[in-house]
Amino acid sequence: MSTRREQAAQRRGERERSVGLESEDDAARWLAENDAPKPVPPPKSPLKSKALHRWRQRSS
């Protein structure tokens, strides 16, 4: 899980990337090629079996 500082840095980076970088700018091109967004990890809930959830419901 990300810390608050990491989340703030990510938001700041997104803001900086979205603010007026020209497409012809070398730095903008480099960022587009090398600073790709990280893939979102898959949610854990689909990996859990339905039987586990049913067992928890019965035992409560």
PDB file of N, CA and C in Angstrom:
ATOM      1  N   MET A   1       0.845  -1.181   0.000  1.00  0.00           N
ATOM      2  CA  MET A   1       0.000   0.000   0.000  1.00  0.00           C
ATOM      3  C   MET A   1       0.888   1.241   0.000  1.00  0.00           C
ATOM      4  N   SER A   2       0.470   2.221  -0.738  1.00  0.00           N
ATOM      5  CA  SER A   2       1.256   3.442  -0.851  1.00  0.00           C
ATOM      6  C   SER A   2       1.083   4.312   0.388  1.00  0.00           C
ATOM      7  N   THR A   3       2.134   5.010   0.702  1.00  0.00           N
ATOM      8  CA  THR A   3       2.043   5.950   1.809  1.00  0.00           C
ATOM      9  C   THR A   3       1.465   7.260   1.293  1.00  0.00           C
ATOM     10  N   ARG A   4       1.139   8.133   2.208  1.00  0.00           N
ATOM     11  CA  ARG A   4       0.563   9.427   1.816  1.00  0.00           C
ATOM     12  C   ARG A   4       1.551  10.231   0.980  1.00  0.00           C
ATOM     13  N   ARG A   5       2.836  10.131   1.329  1.00  0.00           N
ATOM     14  CA  ARG A   5       3.848  10.878   0.565  1.00  0.00           C
ATOM     15  C   ARG A   5       3.933  10.368  -0.866  1.00  0.00           C
ATOM     16  N   GLU A   6       3.903   9.032  -1.024  1.00  0.00           N
ATOM     17  CA  GLU A   6       3.965   8.464  -2.369  1.00  0.00           C
ATOM     18  C   GLU A   6       2.744   8.866  -3.185  1.00  0.00           C
ATOM     19  N   GLN A   7       1.581   8.846  -2.554  1.00  0.00           N
ATOM     20  CA  GLN A   7       0.360   9.243  -3.254  1.00  0.00           C
ATOM     21  C   GLN A   7       0.428  10.712  -3.654  1.00  0.00           C
ATOM     22  N   ALA A   8       0.932  11.553  -2.757  1.00  0.00           N
ATOM     23  CA  ALA A   8       1.062  12.978  -3.067  1.00  0.00           C
ATOM     24  C   ALA A   8       2.052  13.185  -4.210  1.00  0.00           C
ATOM     25  N   ALA A   9       3.143  12.441  -4.201  1.00  0.00           N
ATOM     26  CA  ALA A   9       4.135  12.557  -5.270  1.00  0.00           C
ATOM     27  C   ALA A   9       3.545  12.103  -6.599  1.00  0.00           C
ATOM     28  N   GLN A  10       2.740  11.052  -6.573  1.00  0.00           N
ATOM     29  CA  GLN A  10       2.095  10.590  -7.804  1.00  0.00           C
ATOM     30  C   GLN A  10       1.133  11.648  -8.339  1.00  0.00           C
ATOM     31  N   ARG A  11       0.335  12.233  -7.439  1.00  0.00           N
ATOM     32  CA  ARG A  11      -0.601  13.278  -7.869  1.00  0.00           C
ATOM     33  C   ARG A  11       0.154  14.479  -8.436  1.00  0.00           C
ATOM     34  N   ARG A  12       1.250  14.856  -7.766  1.00  0.00           N
ATOM     35  CA  ARG A  12       2.048  15.986  -8.227  1.00  0.00           C
ATOM     36  C   ARG A  12       2.635  15.686  -9.604  1.00  0.00           C
ATOM     37  N   GLY A  13       3.125  14.476  -9.792  1.00  0.00           N
ATOM     38  CA  GLY A  13       3.675  14.083 -11.086  1.00  0.00           C
ATOM     39  C   GLY A  13       2.628  14.115 -12.181  1.00  0.00           C
ATOM     40  N   GLU A  14       1.425  13.617 -11.877  1.00  0.00           N
ATOM     41  CA  GLU A  14       0.335  13.660 -12.854  1.00  0.00           C
ATOM     42  C   GLU A  14       0.011  15.107 -13.220  1.00  0.00           C
ATOM     43  N   ARG A  15      -0.055  15.964 -12.209  1.00  0.00           N
ATOM     44  CA  ARG A  15      -0.361  17.374 -12.443  1.00  0.00           C
ATOM     45  C   ARG A  15       0.708  18.014 -13.321  1.00  0.00           C
ATOM     46  N   GLU A  16       1.981  17.732 -13.014  1.00  0.00           N
ATOM     47  CA  GLU A  16       3.071  18.326 -13.783  1.00  0.00           C
ATOM     48  C   GLU A  16       3.071  17.822 -15.220  1.00  0.00           C
ATOM     49  N   ARG A  17       2.740  16.533 -15.400  1.00  0.00           N
ATOM     50  CA  ARG A  17       2.712  15.985 -16.753  1.00  0.00           C
ATOM     51  C   ARG A  17       1.563  16.560 -17.578  1.00  0.00           C
ATOM     52  N   SER A  18       0.453  16.875 -16.916  1.00  0.00           N
ATOM     53  CA  SER A  18      -0.714  17.349 -17.659  1.00  0.00           C
ATOM     54  C   SER A  18      -0.684  18.852 -17.935  1.00  0.00           C
ATOM     55  N   VAL A  19       0.241  19.574 -17.343  1.00  0.00           N
ATOM     56  CA  VAL A  19       0.254  21.034 -17.473  1.00  0.00           C
ATOM     57  C   VAL A  19       1.149  21.444 -18.631  1.00  0.00           C
ATOM     58  N   GLY A  20       0.551  21.767 -19.732  1.00  0.00           N
ATOM     59  CA  GLY A  20       1.187  22.450 -20.845  1.00  0.00           C
ATOM     60  C   GLY A  20       2.482  21.920 -21.408  1.00  0.00           C
ATOM     61  N   LEU A  21       2.732  20.635 -21.432  1.00  0.00           N
ATOM     62  CA  LEU A  21       3.906  20.148 -22.132  1.00  0.00           C
ATOM     63  C   LEU A  21       3.577  20.060 -23.617  1.00  0.00           C
ATOM     64  N   GLU A  22       4.430  20.615 -24.423  1.00  0.00           N
ATOM     65  CA  GLU A  22       4.197  20.598 -25.864  1.00  0.00           C
ATOM     66  C   GLU A  22       4.607  19.246 -26.426  1.00  0.00           C
ATOM     67  N   SER A  23       3.875  18.791 -27.431  1.00  0.00           N
ATOM     68  CA  SER A  23       4.175  17.480 -28.008  1.00  0.00           C
ATOM     69  C   SER A  23       5.514  17.476 -28.746  1.00  0.00           C
ATOM     70  N   GLU A  24       5.974  18.635 -29.223  1.00  0.00           N
ATOM     71  CA  GLU A  24       7.259  18.708 -29.927  1.00  0.00           C
ATOM     72  C   GLU A  24       8.436  18.814 -28.962  1.00  0.00           C
ATOM     73  N   ASP A  25       8.158  19.019 -27.701  1.00  0.00           N
ATOM     74  CA  ASP A  25       9.198  19.185 -26.692  1.00  0.00           C
ATOM     75  C   ASP A  25       9.932  17.863 -26.469  1.00  0.00           C
ATOM     76  N   ASP A  26      11.262  17.905 -26.449  1.00  0.00           N
ATOM     77  CA  ASP A  26      12.055  16.691 -26.242  1.00  0.00           C
ATOM     78  C   ASP A  26      11.769  16.056 -24.891  1.00  0.00           C
ATOM     79  N   ALA A  27      11.629  16.883 -23.875  1.00  0.00           N
ATOM     80  CA  ALA A  27      11.365  16.355 -22.533  1.00  0.00           C
ATOM     81  C   ALA A  27      10.005  15.672 -22.483  1.00  0.00           C
ATOM     82  N   ALA A  28       9.011  16.243 -23.139  1.00  0.00           N
ATOM     83  CA  ALA A  28       7.674  15.639 -23.156  1.00  0.00           C
ATOM     84  C   ALA A  28       7.704  14.298 -23.875  1.00  0.00           C
ATOM     85  N   ARG A  29       8.441  14.235 -24.967  1.00  0.00           N
ATOM     86  CA  ARG A  29       8.559  12.965 -25.696  1.00  0.00           C
ATOM     87  C   ARG A  29       9.266  11.910 -24.852  1.00  0.00           C
ATOM     88  N   TRP A  30      10.327  12.321 -24.168  1.00  0.00           N
ATOM     89  CA  TRP A  30      11.058  11.375 -23.319  1.00  0.00           C
ATOM     90  C   TRP A  30      10.156  10.851 -22.207  1.00  0.00           C
ATOM     91  N   LEU A  31       9.396  11.755 -21.577  1.00  0.00           N
ATOM     92  CA  LEU A  31       8.482  11.328 -20.518  1.00  0.00           C
ATOM     93  C   LEU A  31       7.436  10.357 -21.049  1.00  0.00           C
ATOM     94  N   ALA A  32       6.896  10.637 -22.212  1.00  0.00           N
ATOM     95  CA  ALA A  32       5.874   9.763 -22.785  1.00  0.00           C
ATOM     96  C   ALA A  32       6.435   8.371 -23.063  1.00  0.00           C
ATOM     97  N   GLU A  33       7.695   8.295 -23.484  1.00  0.00           N
ATOM     98  CA  GLU A  33       8.294   7.004 -23.810  1.00  0.00           C
ATOM     99  C   GLU A  33       8.787   6.254 -22.575  1.00  0.00           C
ATOM    100  N   ASN A  34       9.374   6.965 -21.616  1.00  0.00           N
ATOM    101  CA  ASN A  34      10.064   6.305 -20.510  1.00  0.00           C
ATOM    102  C   ASN A  34       9.339   6.329 -19.176  1.00  0.00           C
ATOM    103  N   ASP A  35       8.357   7.179 -19.022  1.00  0.00           N
ATOM    104  CA  ASP A  35       7.677   7.300 -17.737  1.00  0.00           C
ATOM    105  C   ASP A  35       6.229   6.824 -17.864  1.00  0.00           C
ATOM    106  N   ALA A  36       6.079   5.594 -18.317  1.00  0.00           N
ATOM    107  CA  ALA A  36       4.736   5.033 -18.488  1.00  0.00           C
ATOM    108  C   ALA A  36       4.102   4.785 -17.123  1.00  0.00           C
ATOM    109  N   PRO A  37       2.785   4.940 -17.028  1.00  0.00           N
ATOM    110  CA  PRO A  37       2.126   4.686 -15.743  1.00  0.00           C
ATOM    111  C   PRO A  37       2.249   3.220 -15.349  1.00  0.00           C
ATOM    112  N   LYS A  38       2.355   2.986 -14.058  1.00  0.00           N
ATOM    113  CA  LYS A  38       2.487   1.620 -13.566  1.00  0.00           C
ATOM    114  C   LYS A  38       1.156   0.893 -13.713  1.00  0.00           C
ATOM    115  N   PRO A  39       1.185  -0.392 -14.060  1.00  0.00           N
ATOM    116  CA  PRO A  39      -0.073  -1.131 -14.181  1.00  0.00           C
ATOM    117  C   PRO A  39      -0.744  -1.283 -12.819  1.00  0.00           C
ATOM    118  N   VAL A  40      -2.049  -1.215 -12.835  1.00  0.00           N
ATOM    119  CA  VAL A  40      -2.820  -1.338 -11.602  1.00  0.00           C
ATOM    120  C   VAL A  40      -2.870  -2.812 -11.214  1.00  0.00           C
ATOM    121  N   PRO A  41      -2.530  -3.151  -9.969  1.00  0.00           N
ATOM    122  CA  PRO A  41      -2.579  -4.560  -9.571  1.00  0.00           C
ATOM    123  C   PRO A  41      -4.021  -5.066  -9.587  1.00  0.00           C
ATOM    124  N   PRO A  42      -4.217  -6.326  -9.953  1.00  0.00           N
ATOM    125  CA  PRO A  42      -5.583  -6.862  -9.995  1.00  0.00           C
ATOM    126  C   PRO A  42      -6.167  -6.931  -8.589  1.00  0.00           C
ATOM    127  N   PRO A  43      -7.471  -6.751  -8.465  1.00  0.00           N
ATOM    128  CA  PRO A  43      -8.084  -6.830  -7.141  1.00  0.00           C
ATOM    129  C   PRO A  43      -7.972  -8.235  -6.573  1.00  0.00           C
ATOM    130  N   LYS A  44      -7.857  -8.322  -5.257  1.00  0.00           N
ATOM    131  CA  LYS A  44      -7.693  -9.622  -4.617  1.00  0.00           C
ATOM    132  C   LYS A  44      -9.006 -10.385  -4.520  1.00  0.00           C
ATOM    133  N   SER A  45     -10.118  -9.680  -4.550  1.00  0.00           N
ATOM    134  CA  SER A  45     -11.401 -10.342  -4.339  1.00  0.00           C
ATOM    135  C   SER A  45     -11.728 -11.418  -5.377  1.00  0.00           C
ATOM    136  N   PRO A  46     -11.424 -11.259  -6.676  1.00  0.00           N
ATOM    137  CA  PRO A  46     -11.735 -12.346  -7.602  1.00  0.00           C
ATOM    138  C   PRO A  46     -10.907 -13.606  -7.350  1.00  0.00           C
ATOM    139  N   LEU A  47      -9.782 -13.465  -6.661  1.00  0.00           N
ATOM    140  CA  LEU A  47      -8.931 -14.618  -6.414  1.00  0.00           C
ATOM    141  C   LEU A  47      -9.440 -15.474  -5.255  1.00  0.00           C
ATOM    142  N   LYS A  48     -10.256 -14.895  -4.408  1.00  0.00           N
ATOM    143  CA  LYS A  48     -10.779 -15.643  -3.267  1.00  0.00           C
ATOM    144  C   LYS A  48     -11.897 -16.559  -3.750  1.00  0.00           C
ATOM    145  N   SER A  49     -11.950 -17.732  -3.193  1.00  0.00           N
ATOM    146  CA  SER A  49     -12.979 -18.673  -3.629  1.00  0.00           C
ATOM    147  C   SER A  49     -14.328 -18.335  -3.012  1.00  0.00           C
ATOM    148  N   LYS A  50     -15.377 -18.705  -3.727  1.00  0.00           N
ATOM    149  CA  LYS A  50     -16.729 -18.476  -3.221  1.00  0.00           C
ATOM    150  C   LYS A  50     -16.984 -19.344  -2.003  1.00  0.00           C
ATOM    151  N   ALA A  51     -16.343 -20.516  -1.972  1.00  0.00           N
ATOM    152  CA  ALA A  51     -16.533 -21.416  -0.835  1.00  0.00           C
ATOM    153  C   ALA A  51     -16.042 -20.760   0.458  1.00  0.00           C
ATOM    154  N   LEU A  52     -14.961 -20.017   0.392  1.00  0.00           N
ATOM    155  CA  LEU A  52     -14.447 -19.331   1.575  1.00  0.00           C
ATOM    156  C   LEU A  52     -15.473 -18.337   2.102  1.00  0.00           C
ATOM    157  N   HIS A  53     -16.080 -17.583   1.202  1.00  0.00           N
ATOM    158  CA  HIS A  53     -17.081 -16.607   1.622  1.00  0.00           C
ATOM    159  C   HIS A  53     -18.304 -17.300   2.206  1.00  0.00           C
ATOM    160  N   ARG A  54     -18.712 -18.405   1.582  1.00  0.00           N
ATOM    161  CA  ARG A  54     -19.867 -19.141   2.103  1.00  0.00           C
ATOM    162  C   ARG A  54     -19.565 -19.694   3.489  1.00  0.00           C
ATOM    163  N   TRP A  55     -18.342 -20.197   3.688  1.00  0.00           N
ATOM    164  CA  TRP A  55     -17.951 -20.752   4.983  1.00  0.00           C
ATOM    165  C   TRP A  55     -17.985 -19.655   6.048  1.00  0.00           C
ATOM    166  N   ARG A  56     -17.491 -18.478   5.689  1.00  0.00           N
ATOM    167  CA  ARG A  56     -17.502 -17.367   6.645  1.00  0.00           C
ATOM    168  C   ARG A  56     -18.931 -16.969   7.007  1.00  0.00           C
ATOM    169  N   GLN A  57     -19.822 -16.976   6.019  1.00  0.00           N
ATOM    170  CA  GLN A  57     -21.210 -16.598   6.289  1.00  0.00           C
ATOM    171  C   GLN A  57     -21.881 -17.620   7.205  1.00  0.00           C
ATOM    172  N   ARG A  58     -21.583 -18.907   6.998  1.00  0.00           N
ATOM    173  CA  ARG A  58     -22.184 -19.957   7.820  1.00  0.00           C
ATOM    174  C   ARG A  58     -21.647 -19.930   9.240  1.00  0.00           C
ATOM    175  N   SER A  59     -20.363 -19.615   9.390  1.00  0.00           N
ATOM    176  CA  SER A  59     -19.752 -19.666  10.722  1.00  0.00           C
ATOM    177  C   SER A  59     -20.079 -18.436  11.565  1.00  0.00           C
ATOM    178  N   SER A  60     -20.599 -17.376  10.962  1.00  0.00           N
ATOM    179  CA  SER A  60     -20.910 -16.170  11.738  1.00  0.00           C
ATOM    180  C   SER A  60     -22.252 -16.265  12.414  1.00  0.00           C
TER     181      SER A  60
END
